[in-house]
Amino acid sequence: MLAPSLLDPAAEKLMLTDVTGRSATDVARVARELLGERFDSCTFTYVLMRAFDVEFHAACQASRWHEFDNGPRALSDADLEALLSPWLSTR
């Protein structure tokens, strides 16, 4: 994983993004744009925790989103929505 100092600017921009009415998959895609080639399940976990105070275990679960992992335990878009809604709905 990259040093936090390389990821913090993306996390801060994501934190400042208006996510009102946006889905968790929209937020994940914004994170992908902000992180560019550094976007992977680990960096996504980090920016979720920094930008939205997502608790560690939930952020780790979010890293199983199907756009990272197409394995049998991959999270669908709907699963990601349900998982992250407590943190995104308060913003």
N, C-alpha and C. Protein backbone atom coordinates (compact mmCIF):
# COMPACT_ATOMS: atom_id res chain seq x y z
N MET A 1 0.84 -1.17 0.00
CA MET A 1 0.00 0.00 0.00
C MET A 1 0.89 1.24 0.00
N LEU A 2 0.38 2.28 -0.60
CA LEU A 2 1.12 3.53 -0.67
C LEU A 2 1.13 4.25 0.67
N ALA A 3 2.10 5.10 0.84
CA ALA A 3 2.18 5.91 2.06
C ALA A 3 0.96 6.81 2.16
N PRO A 4 0.43 6.97 3.36
CA PRO A 4 -0.74 7.83 3.52
C PRO A 4 -0.56 9.23 2.94
N SER A 5 0.63 9.76 2.98
CA SER A 5 0.83 11.11 2.45
C SER A 5 0.50 11.21 0.96
N LEU A 6 0.58 10.08 0.26
CA LEU A 6 0.23 10.06 -1.16
C LEU A 6 -1.28 9.92 -1.37
N LEU A 7 -1.97 9.42 -0.37
CA LEU A 7 -3.41 9.17 -0.49
C LEU A 7 -4.26 10.26 0.16
N ASP A 8 -3.68 10.97 1.11
CA ASP A 8 -4.45 11.98 1.84
C ASP A 8 -5.05 13.07 0.95
N PRO A 9 -4.34 13.57 -0.07
CA PRO A 9 -4.98 14.58 -0.92
C PRO A 9 -6.26 14.07 -1.59
N ALA A 10 -6.26 12.83 -2.04
CA ALA A 10 -7.47 12.26 -2.65
C ALA A 10 -8.56 12.09 -1.61
N ALA A 11 -8.19 11.65 -0.41
CA ALA A 11 -9.17 11.49 0.67
C ALA A 11 -9.78 12.84 1.04
N GLU A 12 -8.96 13.88 1.09
CA GLU A 12 -9.47 15.21 1.43
C GLU A 12 -10.40 15.74 0.35
N LYS A 13 -10.07 15.51 -0.92
CA LYS A 13 -10.96 15.94 -2.00
C LYS A 13 -12.27 15.17 -1.95
N LEU A 14 -12.18 13.88 -1.66
CA LEU A 14 -13.39 13.07 -1.56
C LEU A 14 -14.25 13.55 -0.39
N MET A 15 -13.60 13.91 0.71
CA MET A 15 -14.31 14.41 1.88
C MET A 15 -15.09 15.69 1.54
N LEU A 16 -14.54 16.50 0.68
CA LEU A 16 -15.16 17.77 0.31
C LEU A 16 -16.21 17.63 -0.80
N THR A 17 -16.29 16.46 -1.39
CA THR A 17 -17.25 16.20 -2.46
C THR A 17 -18.66 16.12 -1.88
N ASP A 18 -19.58 16.78 -2.51
CA ASP A 18 -20.97 16.71 -2.08
C ASP A 18 -21.54 15.36 -2.51
N VAL A 19 -21.82 14.51 -1.55
CA VAL A 19 -22.33 13.18 -1.86
C VAL A 19 -23.82 13.07 -1.63
N THR A 20 -24.46 14.19 -1.34
CA THR A 20 -25.90 14.18 -1.11
C THR A 20 -26.61 13.62 -2.34
N GLY A 21 -27.39 12.59 -2.12
CA GLY A 21 -28.14 11.97 -3.21
C GLY A 21 -27.32 11.10 -4.13
N ARG A 22 -26.04 10.94 -3.84
CA ARG A 22 -25.19 10.09 -4.68
C ARG A 22 -25.10 8.70 -4.08
N SER A 23 -24.98 7.73 -4.93
CA SER A 23 -24.89 6.36 -4.47
C SER A 23 -23.46 6.04 -4.04
N ALA A 24 -23.32 4.95 -3.30
CA ALA A 24 -21.98 4.50 -2.89
C ALA A 24 -21.13 4.14 -4.10
N THR A 25 -21.75 3.61 -5.14
CA THR A 25 -20.98 3.30 -6.34
C THR A 25 -20.51 4.58 -7.02
N ASP A 26 -21.32 5.64 -6.98
CA ASP A 26 -20.87 6.94 -7.50
C ASP A 26 -19.66 7.43 -6.72
N VAL A 27 -19.73 7.32 -5.40
CA VAL A 27 -18.62 7.75 -4.54
C VAL A 27 -17.38 6.92 -4.85
N ALA A 28 -17.55 5.62 -5.04
CA ALA A 28 -16.41 4.75 -5.36
C ALA A 28 -15.79 5.16 -6.70
N ARG A 29 -16.62 5.52 -7.63
CA ARG A 29 -16.10 5.93 -8.95
C ARG A 29 -15.41 7.30 -8.87
N VAL A 30 -15.90 8.18 -8.01
CA VAL A 30 -15.20 9.45 -7.79
C VAL A 30 -13.83 9.16 -7.16
N ALA A 31 -13.79 8.25 -6.20
CA ALA A 31 -12.51 7.86 -5.59
C ALA A 31 -11.56 7.32 -6.64
N ARG A 32 -12.09 6.52 -7.56
CA ARG A 32 -11.25 5.97 -8.64
C ARG A 32 -10.67 7.10 -9.48
N GLU A 33 -11.48 8.11 -9.80
CA GLU A 33 -10.98 9.25 -10.58
C GLU A 33 -9.90 10.00 -9.82
N LEU A 34 -10.13 10.22 -8.53
CA LEU A 34 -9.17 10.97 -7.72
C LEU A 34 -7.85 10.22 -7.53
N LEU A 35 -7.93 8.92 -7.38
CA LEU A 35 -6.73 8.12 -7.13
C LEU A 35 -6.01 7.71 -8.41
N GLY A 36 -6.72 7.68 -9.51
CA GLY A 36 -6.10 7.30 -10.78
C GLY A 36 -5.51 5.90 -10.72
N GLU A 37 -4.28 5.76 -11.16
CA GLU A 37 -3.64 4.44 -11.22
C GLU A 37 -3.36 3.86 -9.83
N ARG A 38 -3.48 4.67 -8.80
CA ARG A 38 -3.28 4.17 -7.43
C ARG A 38 -4.55 3.52 -6.88
N PHE A 39 -5.66 3.56 -7.62
CA PHE A 39 -6.93 3.02 -7.14
C PHE A 39 -6.89 1.50 -7.11
N ASP A 40 -7.05 0.95 -5.93
CA ASP A 40 -7.21 -0.49 -5.75
C ASP A 40 -8.00 -0.70 -4.45
N SER A 41 -8.20 -1.93 -4.08
CA SER A 41 -9.03 -2.20 -2.90
C SER A 41 -8.41 -1.62 -1.62
N CYS A 42 -7.11 -1.63 -1.51
CA CYS A 42 -6.45 -1.10 -0.30
C CYS A 42 -6.56 0.42 -0.23
N THR A 43 -6.30 1.09 -1.34
CA THR A 43 -6.36 2.55 -1.31
C THR A 43 -7.82 3.02 -1.15
N PHE A 44 -8.75 2.28 -1.70
CA PHE A 44 -10.16 2.59 -1.54
C PHE A 44 -10.55 2.48 -0.06
N THR A 45 -10.10 1.43 0.60
CA THR A 45 -10.35 1.25 2.02
C THR A 45 -9.85 2.45 2.81
N TYR A 46 -8.63 2.87 2.51
CA TYR A 46 -8.03 4.00 3.23
C TYR A 46 -8.82 5.29 3.02
N VAL A 47 -9.14 5.62 1.77
CA VAL A 47 -9.83 6.90 1.55
C VAL A 47 -11.25 6.87 2.10
N LEU A 48 -11.91 5.73 2.14
CA LEU A 48 -13.23 5.65 2.77
C LEU A 48 -13.14 5.98 4.25
N MET A 49 -12.14 5.41 4.91
CA MET A 49 -11.98 5.65 6.34
C MET A 49 -11.63 7.11 6.61
N ARG A 50 -10.77 7.70 5.79
CA ARG A 50 -10.34 9.08 5.99
C ARG A 50 -11.44 10.08 5.61
N ALA A 51 -12.10 9.85 4.50
CA ALA A 51 -13.06 10.83 4.00
C ALA A 51 -14.41 10.78 4.72
N PHE A 52 -14.85 9.59 5.10
CA PHE A 52 -16.20 9.44 5.66
C PHE A 52 -16.24 8.78 7.02
N ASP A 53 -15.09 8.59 7.64
CA ASP A 53 -15.01 7.93 8.94
C ASP A 53 -15.67 6.55 8.94
N VAL A 54 -15.59 5.88 7.80
CA VAL A 54 -16.12 4.51 7.71
C VAL A 54 -15.28 3.64 8.64
N GLU A 55 -15.93 2.86 9.47
CA GLU A 55 -15.18 2.00 10.39
C GLU A 55 -14.38 0.95 9.61
N PHE A 56 -13.30 0.51 10.20
CA PHE A 56 -12.34 -0.36 9.54
C PHE A 56 -12.98 -1.61 8.92
N HIS A 57 -13.79 -2.32 9.69
CA HIS A 57 -14.35 -3.58 9.18
C HIS A 57 -15.30 -3.34 8.00
N ALA A 58 -16.07 -2.28 8.05
CA ALA A 58 -16.95 -1.96 6.93
C ALA A 58 -16.14 -1.57 5.70
N ALA A 59 -15.08 -0.78 5.90
CA ALA A 59 -14.23 -0.38 4.77
C ALA A 59 -13.55 -1.61 4.15
N CYS A 60 -13.15 -2.56 5.00
CA CYS A 60 -12.56 -3.80 4.48
C CYS A 60 -13.59 -4.60 3.67
N GLN A 61 -14.82 -4.62 4.16
CA GLN A 61 -15.88 -5.30 3.41
C GLN A 61 -16.11 -4.61 2.07
N ALA A 62 -16.08 -3.27 2.07
CA ALA A 62 -16.28 -2.51 0.84
C ALA A 62 -15.19 -2.81 -0.19
N SER A 63 -14.03 -3.19 0.27
CA SER A 63 -12.93 -3.51 -0.65
C SER A 63 -13.21 -4.79 -1.44
N ARG A 64 -14.28 -5.50 -1.11
CA ARG A 64 -14.68 -6.69 -1.87
C ARG A 64 -15.67 -6.35 -2.98
N TRP A 65 -15.87 -5.07 -3.25
CA TRP A 65 -16.78 -4.62 -4.31
C TRP A 65 -16.40 -5.31 -5.61
N HIS A 66 -17.38 -5.67 -6.40
CA HIS A 66 -17.15 -6.48 -7.60
C HIS A 66 -16.22 -5.82 -8.62
N GLU A 67 -16.04 -4.51 -8.57
CA GLU A 67 -15.13 -3.88 -9.52
C GLU A 67 -13.66 -4.11 -9.15
N PHE A 68 -13.42 -4.67 -7.95
CA PHE A 68 -12.08 -5.09 -7.55
C PHE A 68 -11.92 -6.59 -7.68
N ASP A 69 -12.98 -7.31 -7.30
CA ASP A 69 -12.89 -8.75 -7.13
C ASP A 69 -14.17 -9.40 -7.67
N ASN A 70 -14.03 -10.25 -8.65
CA ASN A 70 -15.20 -10.93 -9.20
C ASN A 70 -15.36 -12.33 -8.63
N GLY A 71 -14.73 -12.57 -7.48
CA GLY A 71 -14.83 -13.88 -6.84
C GLY A 71 -16.21 -14.13 -6.26
N PRO A 72 -16.40 -15.29 -5.69
CA PRO A 72 -17.71 -15.68 -5.17
C PRO A 72 -18.19 -14.81 -4.00
N ARG A 73 -17.29 -14.13 -3.32
CA ARG A 73 -17.69 -13.29 -2.18
C ARG A 73 -17.72 -11.81 -2.54
N ALA A 74 -17.66 -11.49 -3.82
CA ALA A 74 -17.64 -10.09 -4.26
C ALA A 74 -18.96 -9.40 -3.91
N LEU A 75 -18.86 -8.12 -3.56
CA LEU A 75 -20.05 -7.32 -3.26
C LEU A 75 -20.64 -6.73 -4.53
N SER A 76 -21.92 -6.82 -4.66
CA SER A 76 -22.62 -6.17 -5.77
C SER A 76 -22.73 -4.68 -5.48
N ASP A 77 -23.18 -3.92 -6.46
CA ASP A 77 -23.43 -2.50 -6.24
C ASP A 77 -24.44 -2.30 -5.11
N ALA A 78 -25.50 -3.11 -5.10
CA ALA A 78 -26.53 -3.00 -4.07
C ALA A 78 -25.96 -3.31 -2.68
N ASP A 79 -25.08 -4.31 -2.60
CA ASP A 79 -24.44 -4.64 -1.33
C ASP A 79 -23.57 -3.48 -0.84
N LEU A 80 -22.85 -2.85 -1.77
CA LEU A 80 -22.01 -1.71 -1.41
C LEU A 80 -22.87 -0.55 -0.91
N GLU A 81 -24.01 -0.33 -1.57
CA GLU A 81 -24.93 0.73 -1.14
C GLU A 81 -25.38 0.49 0.30
N ALA A 82 -25.83 -0.72 0.57
CA ALA A 82 -26.32 -1.05 1.91
C ALA A 82 -25.21 -0.93 2.96
N LEU A 83 -24.04 -1.38 2.61
CA LEU A 83 -22.91 -1.35 3.54
C LEU A 83 -22.50 0.07 3.91
N LEU A 84 -22.41 0.95 2.93
CA LEU A 84 -21.89 2.30 3.17
C LEU A 84 -22.96 3.34 3.50
N SER A 85 -24.22 2.97 3.38
CA SER A 85 -25.28 3.96 3.60
C SER A 85 -25.23 4.63 4.98
N PRO A 86 -24.86 3.94 6.06
CA PRO A 86 -24.81 4.66 7.35
C PRO A 86 -23.84 5.84 7.36
N TRP A 87 -22.77 5.76 6.61
CA TRP A 87 -21.77 6.82 6.60
C TRP A 87 -22.09 7.88 5.54
N LEU A 88 -22.60 7.46 4.42
CA LEU A 88 -22.86 8.41 3.34
C LEU A 88 -24.16 9.18 3.57
N SER A 89 -25.11 8.57 4.24
CA SER A 89 -26.40 9.25 4.45
C SER A 89 -26.30 10.38 5.48
N THR A 90 -25.27 10.35 6.28
CA THR A 90 -25.11 11.41 7.29
C THR A 90 -24.37 12.61 6.73
N ARG A 91 -23.95 12.55 5.50
CA ARG A 91 -23.20 13.65 4.86
C ARG A 91 -24.09 14.45 4.00
